[in-house]
Structure formats: C-alpha cells, structure tokens
Amino acid sequence: MLKEYLVVDGYNIINAWAEQLLILCYGAARVSTREPQEDVLEMKKSMDKEFINENLVDKNLLEHGLAPNILIKLEKLRRNNDKA
C-alpha cells in the first residue's frame, strides 16, 4: 500500500493528527469550517448596508442640481405666477 508523506523540516508526517499537531506547533489557529463562511456572509451584509446607505436618495428634486442663484430666481417666478 502506498502512503503519502508530508515532509516538514525533515520530519515525515504520516497521519492527519500528527500533521495537525505539527502545524499547530508552528502557531496556526484552529478554525471551524463554519467560521469563514459566517465571516464572508457578515461582510457581505455589511457591504450591502453601506452601499444602500451611500446611494439612498429620498427624492430626486430639481433643486438638488441647481445653483443657489438660479433657484432664487425660479422661486421668485413661481411666487409671481401664484399671485396672478
């Protein structure tokens, strides 16, 4: 039977437990398989919320794109038309 060997610093690692033990000794942290998936979903929710808040417009009014002096002139015209 052919076995796969992992060689780390000259040591042959045969089974998964020994491999995990050696990797943990080098400073790795154990992470469940669910944790990264939850992190990705949480980040997606956060990014979606930011995008929606940045691009949220209550109303698209003409006055939002006008210079203040033009807006004043148009308001005067509107008020004069209301009186007539």
N, C-alpha and C. Protein backbone atom coordinates (compact mmCIF):
# COMPACT_ATOMS: atom_id res chain seq x y z
N MET A 1 0.85 -1.17 0.00
CA MET A 1 0.00 0.00 0.00
C MET A 1 0.90 1.24 0.00
N LEU A 2 0.54 2.22 -0.83
CA LEU A 2 1.31 3.44 -0.97
C LEU A 2 0.75 4.51 -0.05
N LYS A 3 1.58 5.10 0.80
CA LYS A 3 1.15 6.16 1.71
C LYS A 3 1.77 7.47 1.27
N GLU A 4 0.99 8.54 1.46
CA GLU A 4 1.54 9.87 1.18
C GLU A 4 2.22 10.39 2.44
N TYR A 5 3.36 11.01 2.27
CA TYR A 5 4.08 11.57 3.40
C TYR A 5 4.25 13.06 3.19
N LEU A 6 4.11 13.79 4.27
CA LEU A 6 4.36 15.22 4.26
C LEU A 6 5.68 15.43 4.98
N VAL A 7 6.61 16.11 4.34
CA VAL A 7 7.91 16.33 4.96
C VAL A 7 8.00 17.79 5.38
N VAL A 8 8.16 18.02 6.69
CA VAL A 8 8.30 19.37 7.24
C VAL A 8 9.57 19.39 8.07
N ASP A 9 10.49 20.22 7.69
CA ASP A 9 11.78 20.34 8.40
C ASP A 9 12.44 18.98 8.62
N GLY A 10 12.34 18.12 7.63
CA GLY A 10 12.99 16.83 7.71
C GLY A 10 12.19 15.76 8.43
N TYR A 11 11.00 16.08 8.94
CA TYR A 11 10.17 15.10 9.64
C TYR A 11 9.09 14.57 8.70
N ASN A 12 8.89 13.28 8.69
CA ASN A 12 7.82 12.69 7.89
C ASN A 12 6.55 12.63 8.73
N ILE A 13 5.51 13.23 8.25
CA ILE A 13 4.22 13.22 8.94
C ILE A 13 3.34 12.21 8.22
N ILE A 14 2.87 11.19 8.93
CA ILE A 14 2.10 10.12 8.30
C ILE A 14 0.61 10.36 8.39
N ASN A 15 0.07 10.61 9.57
CA ASN A 15 -1.38 10.73 9.67
C ASN A 15 -1.81 12.19 9.87
N ALA A 16 -3.10 12.40 9.79
CA ALA A 16 -3.65 13.74 9.86
C ALA A 16 -3.45 14.36 11.25
N TRP A 17 -3.56 13.56 12.31
CA TRP A 17 -3.41 14.11 13.65
C TRP A 17 -2.00 14.65 13.86
N ALA A 18 -1.01 13.89 13.44
CA ALA A 18 0.37 14.34 13.60
C ALA A 18 0.61 15.60 12.76
N GLU A 19 0.01 15.63 11.59
CA GLU A 19 0.13 16.81 10.71
C GLU A 19 -0.48 18.04 11.40
N GLN A 20 -1.67 17.88 11.95
CA GLN A 20 -2.33 18.99 12.64
C GLN A 20 -1.51 19.44 13.84
N LEU A 21 -0.99 18.49 14.58
CA LEU A 21 -0.19 18.82 15.76
C LEU A 21 1.04 19.63 15.37
N LEU A 22 1.72 19.22 14.33
CA LEU A 22 2.91 19.93 13.89
C LEU A 22 2.56 21.34 13.42
N ILE A 23 1.47 21.44 12.67
CA ILE A 23 1.06 22.76 12.15
C ILE A 23 0.67 23.67 13.32
N LEU A 24 -0.03 23.12 14.31
CA LEU A 24 -0.41 23.93 15.48
C LEU A 24 0.82 24.37 16.26
N CYS A 25 1.84 23.53 16.30
CA CYS A 25 3.08 23.90 17.00
C CYS A 25 3.76 25.09 16.33
N TYR A 26 3.54 25.25 15.03
CA TYR A 26 4.13 26.37 14.30
C TYR A 26 3.30 27.65 14.43
N GLY A 27 2.21 27.61 15.23
CA GLY A 27 1.47 28.83 15.52
C GLY A 27 0.15 28.98 14.80
N ALA A 28 -0.31 27.96 14.11
CA ALA A 28 -1.59 28.06 13.42
C ALA A 28 -2.73 27.99 14.44
N ALA A 29 -3.88 28.55 14.08
CA ALA A 29 -5.05 28.51 14.94
C ALA A 29 -6.09 27.59 14.32
N ARG A 30 -6.83 26.92 15.18
CA ARG A 30 -7.91 26.07 14.68
C ARG A 30 -9.12 26.93 14.36
N VAL A 31 -9.71 26.68 13.22
CA VAL A 31 -10.90 27.41 12.80
C VAL A 31 -11.90 26.38 12.30
N SER A 32 -13.14 26.51 12.76
CA SER A 32 -14.15 25.58 12.28
C SER A 32 -14.47 25.89 10.82
N THR A 33 -15.05 24.95 10.14
CA THR A 33 -15.37 25.18 8.72
C THR A 33 -16.50 26.20 8.57
N ARG A 34 -17.29 26.39 9.61
CA ARG A 34 -18.41 27.32 9.54
C ARG A 34 -17.96 28.78 9.73
N GLU A 35 -16.89 29.00 10.48
CA GLU A 35 -16.45 30.36 10.80
C GLU A 35 -16.15 31.21 9.56
N PRO A 36 -15.33 30.75 8.63
CA PRO A 36 -15.06 31.58 7.45
C PRO A 36 -16.33 31.89 6.65
N GLN A 37 -17.22 30.93 6.55
CA GLN A 37 -18.47 31.15 5.82
C GLN A 37 -19.29 32.24 6.51
N GLU A 38 -19.38 32.19 7.83
CA GLU A 38 -20.12 33.21 8.57
C GLU A 38 -19.47 34.58 8.42
N ASP A 39 -18.14 34.62 8.43
CA ASP A 39 -17.43 35.89 8.25
C ASP A 39 -17.73 36.50 6.89
N VAL A 40 -17.72 35.66 5.85
CA VAL A 40 -17.99 36.15 4.50
C VAL A 40 -19.43 36.68 4.40
N LEU A 41 -20.38 35.96 4.96
CA LEU A 41 -21.78 36.41 4.91
C LEU A 41 -21.97 37.71 5.69
N GLU A 42 -21.33 37.83 6.84
CA GLU A 42 -21.43 39.05 7.65
C GLU A 42 -20.81 40.24 6.90
N MET A 43 -19.68 40.01 6.25
CA MET A 43 -19.02 41.07 5.48
C MET A 43 -19.90 41.50 4.31
N LYS A 44 -20.54 40.54 3.65
CA LYS A 44 -21.43 40.86 2.53
C LYS A 44 -22.60 41.71 3.01
N LYS A 45 -23.20 41.33 4.14
CA LYS A 45 -24.31 42.13 4.70
C LYS A 45 -23.85 43.55 5.01
N SER A 46 -22.68 43.66 5.60
CA SER A 46 -22.14 44.97 5.97
C SER A 46 -21.89 45.83 4.73
N MET A 47 -21.31 45.22 3.70
CA MET A 47 -21.02 45.96 2.47
C MET A 47 -22.32 46.37 1.77
N ASP A 48 -23.31 45.48 1.77
CA ASP A 48 -24.60 45.82 1.17
C ASP A 48 -25.25 46.99 1.89
N LYS A 49 -25.19 46.97 3.23
CA LYS A 49 -25.77 48.04 4.03
C LYS A 49 -25.10 49.38 3.71
N GLU A 50 -23.75 49.38 3.65
CA GLU A 50 -23.01 50.60 3.33
C GLU A 50 -23.38 51.11 1.95
N PHE A 51 -23.46 50.22 0.98
CA PHE A 51 -23.78 50.62 -0.39
C PHE A 51 -25.17 51.23 -0.46
N ILE A 52 -26.13 50.61 0.21
CA ILE A 52 -27.50 51.11 0.19
C ILE A 52 -27.58 52.47 0.87
N ASN A 53 -26.90 52.62 2.01
CA ASN A 53 -26.94 53.90 2.73
C ASN A 53 -26.27 55.02 1.94
N GLU A 54 -25.19 54.71 1.24
CA GLU A 54 -24.49 55.73 0.46
C GLU A 54 -25.31 56.15 -0.76
N ASN A 55 -26.04 55.24 -1.35
CA ASN A 55 -26.76 55.53 -2.58
C ASN A 55 -28.25 55.77 -2.37
N LEU A 56 -28.65 55.94 -1.13
CA LEU A 56 -30.05 56.15 -0.82
C LEU A 56 -30.41 57.62 -1.07
N VAL A 57 -31.40 57.84 -1.89
CA VAL A 57 -31.86 59.19 -2.20
C VAL A 57 -33.34 59.25 -1.84
N ASP A 58 -33.70 60.22 -1.01
CA ASP A 58 -35.10 60.35 -0.62
C ASP A 58 -35.96 60.74 -1.82
N LYS A 59 -35.59 61.82 -2.47
CA LYS A 59 -36.31 62.29 -3.65
C LYS A 59 -35.30 62.86 -4.63
N ASN A 60 -35.62 62.80 -5.87
CA ASN A 60 -34.76 63.37 -6.89
C ASN A 60 -35.40 64.69 -7.33
N LEU A 61 -35.07 65.76 -6.63
CA LEU A 61 -35.68 67.06 -6.90
C LEU A 61 -34.79 67.90 -7.81
N LEU A 62 -35.42 68.75 -8.59
CA LEU A 62 -34.70 69.64 -9.50
C LEU A 62 -33.76 70.56 -8.74
N GLU A 63 -34.19 71.01 -7.57
CA GLU A 63 -33.39 71.97 -6.81
C GLU A 63 -32.07 71.39 -6.29
N HIS A 64 -31.95 70.08 -6.26
CA HIS A 64 -30.70 69.48 -5.79
C HIS A 64 -29.55 69.73 -6.76
N GLY A 65 -29.87 69.91 -8.04
CA GLY A 65 -28.81 70.11 -9.02
C GLY A 65 -28.65 71.54 -9.49
N LEU A 66 -29.39 72.48 -8.89
CA LEU A 66 -29.33 73.87 -9.34
C LEU A 66 -28.41 74.71 -8.48
N ALA A 67 -27.83 75.71 -9.12
CA ALA A 67 -27.04 76.69 -8.38
C ALA A 67 -28.00 77.53 -7.53
N PRO A 68 -27.56 78.00 -6.37
CA PRO A 68 -28.45 78.75 -5.48
C PRO A 68 -29.05 80.01 -6.12
N ASN A 69 -28.27 80.73 -6.93
CA ASN A 69 -28.80 81.95 -7.54
C ASN A 69 -29.93 81.64 -8.54
N ILE A 70 -29.84 80.56 -9.26
CA ILE A 70 -30.89 80.17 -10.20
C ILE A 70 -32.13 79.72 -9.43
N LEU A 71 -31.92 79.03 -8.35
CA LEU A 71 -33.03 78.57 -7.52
C LEU A 71 -33.83 79.76 -6.96
N ILE A 72 -33.12 80.80 -6.55
CA ILE A 72 -33.79 82.01 -6.05
C ILE A 72 -34.62 82.66 -7.14
N LYS A 73 -34.08 82.76 -8.35
CA LYS A 73 -34.81 83.37 -9.47
C LYS A 73 -36.06 82.55 -9.82
N LEU A 74 -35.94 81.25 -9.85
CA LEU A 74 -37.09 80.40 -10.16
C LEU A 74 -38.16 80.50 -9.07
N GLU A 75 -37.74 80.61 -7.83
CA GLU A 75 -38.69 80.75 -6.73
C GLU A 75 -39.46 82.07 -6.85
N LYS A 76 -38.76 83.15 -7.25
CA LYS A 76 -39.43 84.44 -7.45
C LYS A 76 -40.46 84.33 -8.58
N LEU A 77 -40.10 83.66 -9.68
CA LEU A 77 -41.04 83.47 -10.79
C LEU A 77 -42.26 82.66 -10.34
N ARG A 78 -42.04 81.65 -9.56
CA ARG A 78 -43.14 80.80 -9.09
C ARG A 78 -44.08 81.60 -8.21
N ARG A 79 -43.54 82.42 -7.33
CA ARG A 79 -44.38 83.21 -6.43
C ARG A 79 -45.17 84.26 -7.19
N ASN A 80 -44.60 84.84 -8.22
CA ASN A 80 -45.30 85.83 -9.03
C ASN A 80 -46.43 85.17 -9.81
N ASN A 81 -46.22 83.94 -10.29
CA ASN A 81 -47.26 83.23 -11.02
C ASN A 81 -48.40 82.81 -10.11
N ASP A 82 -48.09 82.56 -8.83
CA ASP A 82 -49.14 82.19 -7.88
C ASP A 82 -50.10 83.33 -7.60
N LYS A 83 -49.59 84.58 -7.66
CA LYS A 83 -50.41 85.75 -7.38
C LYS A 83 -51.35 86.08 -8.54
N ALA A 84 -50.96 85.71 -9.74
CA ALA A 84 -51.75 86.09 -10.92
C ALA A 84 -52.95 85.21 -11.14
